[in-house]
Structure formats: C-alpha cells, structure tokens
C-alpha cells in the first residue's frame, strides 16, 4: 500500500542518515538517473526519427519532439529510479 511504501522510505532515509551514507546514496541515485535519462533519450530519439537530419530540415518540429521526449523520459526515470 502507499502508506507502507512511505513508511519503508522513511526507515531507509533514517538508516542512511544515521549511518552517514545519505549523501553517497543521493549522489549514486542522481548518477544512475542521469545515465538512464541519457540512454533513453538517445534510444527513443532514434526510434522516433528525431535525428540531425530532421533538426536541419525542420528545427521547430525537432525541438517540439525533443521537448516532448524529454518530458516522457523524465517521467520514466522518476518512476524507475527516483520513486522506486
């Protein structure tokens, strides 16, 4: 349940805090999230045709596509890494 998940996160937070490993854990989580975001952006951009050719031919379409893609990728990263 949601309450149980919150409780588990609180326990994990306090354990990390009291063992002086919270900063290290946060840095590792951030690095993992950034790597996943970069990988997903590259893979999904290629799948969706958001290429350098499109960028040269229709900059506005490319920017809109990349912005949309970045929003979707960030939601995936949040679900898979940040809020997992």
C-alpha atoms as a PDB file:
ATOM      1  CA  UNK A   1       0.000   0.000   0.000  1.00  0.00           C
ATOM      2  CA  UNK A   2       1.013   3.647  -0.356  1.00  0.00           C
ATOM      3  CA  UNK A   3       1.278   4.144   3.411  1.00  0.00           C
ATOM      4  CA  UNK A   4       3.524   1.099   3.702  1.00  0.00           C
ATOM      5  CA  UNK A   5       5.777   2.412   0.903  1.00  0.00           C
ATOM      6  CA  UNK A   6       6.081   5.785   2.637  1.00  0.00           C
ATOM      7  CA  UNK A   7       6.952   4.066   5.899  1.00  0.00           C
ATOM      8  CA  UNK A   8       9.621   1.943   4.186  1.00  0.00           C
ATOM      9  CA  UNK A   9      11.120   5.065   2.567  1.00  0.00           C
ATOM     10  CA  UNK A  10      11.208   6.840   5.917  1.00  0.00           C
ATOM     11  CA  UNK A  11      13.029   3.922   7.526  1.00  0.00           C
ATOM     12  CA  UNK A  12      15.517   3.801   4.632  1.00  0.00           C
ATOM     13  CA  UNK A  13      16.060   7.560   4.878  1.00  0.00           C
ATOM     14  CA  UNK A  14      16.759   7.421   8.619  1.00  0.00           C
ATOM     15  CA  UNK A  15      19.068   4.427   8.191  1.00  0.00           C
ATOM     16  CA  UNK A  16      21.058   6.261   5.512  1.00  0.00           C
ATOM     17  CA  UNK A  17      21.086   9.444   7.569  1.00  0.00           C
ATOM     18  CA  UNK A  18      22.249   7.799  10.771  1.00  0.00           C
ATOM     19  CA  UNK A  19      24.911   5.729   9.002  1.00  0.00           C
ATOM     20  CA  UNK A  20      26.273   8.889   7.303  1.00  0.00           C
ATOM     21  CA  UNK A  21      25.726   7.396   3.846  1.00  0.00           C
ATOM     22  CA  UNK A  22      22.799   9.569   2.725  1.00  0.00           C
ATOM     23  CA  UNK A  23      24.950  11.910   0.631  1.00  0.00           C
ATOM     24  CA  UNK A  24      26.655   8.986  -1.097  1.00  0.00           C
ATOM     25  CA  UNK A  25      23.310   7.308  -1.762  1.00  0.00           C
ATOM     26  CA  UNK A  26      21.847  10.511  -3.233  1.00  0.00           C
ATOM     27  CA  UNK A  27      24.901  11.029  -5.454  1.00  0.00           C
ATOM     28  CA  UNK A  28      24.695   7.448  -6.726  1.00  0.00           C
ATOM     29  CA  UNK A  29      20.957   7.780  -7.352  1.00  0.00           C
ATOM     30  CA  UNK A  30      21.496  11.022  -9.268  1.00  0.00           C
ATOM     31  CA  UNK A  31      24.240   9.447 -11.390  1.00  0.00           C
ATOM     32  CA  UNK A  32      22.070   6.413 -12.167  1.00  0.00           C
ATOM     33  CA  UNK A  33      19.138   8.654 -13.073  1.00  0.00           C
ATOM     34  CA  UNK A  34      21.271  10.821 -15.373  1.00  0.00           C
ATOM     35  CA  UNK A  35      22.732   7.778 -17.157  1.00  0.00           C
ATOM     36  CA  UNK A  36      19.280   6.271 -17.670  1.00  0.00           C
ATOM     37  CA  UNK A  37      17.915   9.583 -18.961  1.00  0.00           C
ATOM     38  CA  UNK A  38      20.794   9.946 -21.429  1.00  0.00           C
ATOM     39  CA  UNK A  39      20.423   6.367 -22.670  1.00  0.00           C
ATOM     40  CA  UNK A  40      16.647   6.614 -23.057  1.00  0.00           C
ATOM     41  CA  UNK A  41      16.897   9.973 -24.848  1.00  0.00           C
ATOM     42  CA  UNK A  42      19.307   8.535 -27.423  1.00  0.00           C
ATOM     43  CA  UNK A  43      17.344   5.328 -27.971  1.00  0.00           C
ATOM     44  CA  UNK A  44      13.899   6.895 -28.112  1.00  0.00           C
ATOM     45  CA  UNK A  45      15.013   9.858 -30.251  1.00  0.00           C
ATOM     46  CA  UNK A  46      16.369   7.418 -32.831  1.00  0.00           C
ATOM     47  CA  UNK A  47      13.170   5.340 -32.710  1.00  0.00           C
ATOM     48  CA  UNK A  48      11.022   8.431 -33.187  1.00  0.00           C
ATOM     49  CA  UNK A  49      13.083   9.882 -36.031  1.00  0.00           C
ATOM     50  CA  UNK A  50      14.373  12.850 -34.058  1.00  0.00           C
ATOM     51  CA  UNK A  51      17.618  12.959 -35.989  1.00  0.00           C
ATOM     52  CA  UNK A  52      20.138  15.580 -37.014  1.00  0.00           C
ATOM     53  CA  UNK A  53      18.548  15.460 -40.482  1.00  0.00           C
ATOM     54  CA  UNK A  54      15.178  16.436 -39.034  1.00  0.00           C
ATOM     55  CA  UNK A  55      16.880  19.112 -36.953  1.00  0.00           C
ATOM     56  CA  UNK A  56      18.402  20.618 -40.102  1.00  0.00           C
ATOM     57  CA  UNK A  57      15.209  20.311 -42.153  1.00  0.00           C
ATOM     58  CA  UNK A  58      12.603  21.380 -39.571  1.00  0.00           C
ATOM     59  CA  UNK A  59      14.108  22.824 -36.405  1.00  0.00           C
ATOM     60  CA  UNK A  60      10.742  23.609 -34.798  1.00  0.00           C
ATOM     61  CA  UNK A  61       9.439  20.073 -35.273  1.00  0.00           C
ATOM     62  CA  UNK A  62      12.694  18.659 -33.871  1.00  0.00           C
ATOM     63  CA  UNK A  63      12.594  20.959 -30.806  1.00  0.00           C
ATOM     64  CA  UNK A  64       8.951  20.102 -30.110  1.00  0.00           C
ATOM     65  CA  UNK A  65       9.690  16.399 -30.461  1.00  0.00           C
ATOM     66  CA  UNK A  66      12.745  16.579 -28.204  1.00  0.00           C
ATOM     67  CA  UNK A  67      10.867  18.563 -25.541  1.00  0.00           C
ATOM     68  CA  UNK A  68       8.037  16.032 -25.587  1.00  0.00           C
ATOM     69  CA  UNK A  69      10.516  13.171 -25.462  1.00  0.00           C
ATOM     70  CA  UNK A  70      12.460  14.709 -22.570  1.00  0.00           C
ATOM     71  CA  UNK A  71       9.255  15.070 -20.536  1.00  0.00           C
ATOM     72  CA  UNK A  72       8.339  11.426 -21.127  1.00  0.00           C
ATOM     73  CA  UNK A  73      11.850  10.209 -20.353  1.00  0.00           C
ATOM     74  CA  UNK A  74      11.961  12.202 -17.120  1.00  0.00           C
ATOM     75  CA  UNK A  75       8.691  10.584 -16.027  1.00  0.00           C
ATOM     76  CA  UNK A  76      10.179   7.143 -16.724  1.00  0.00           C
ATOM     77  CA  UNK A  77      13.320   7.983 -14.762  1.00  0.00           C
ATOM     78  CA  UNK A  78      11.278   9.268 -11.836  1.00  0.00           C
ATOM     79  CA  UNK A  79       9.212   6.089 -11.751  1.00  0.00           C
ATOM     80  CA  UNK A  80      12.134   3.695 -12.236  1.00  0.00           C
ATOM     81  CA  UNK A  81      14.862   5.361 -10.166  1.00  0.00           C
ATOM     82  CA  UNK A  82      13.702   8.259  -8.031  1.00  0.00           C
ATOM     83  CA  UNK A  83      10.401   6.934  -6.661  1.00  0.00           C
ATOM     84  CA  UNK A  84      11.190   3.214  -6.854  1.00  0.00           C
END
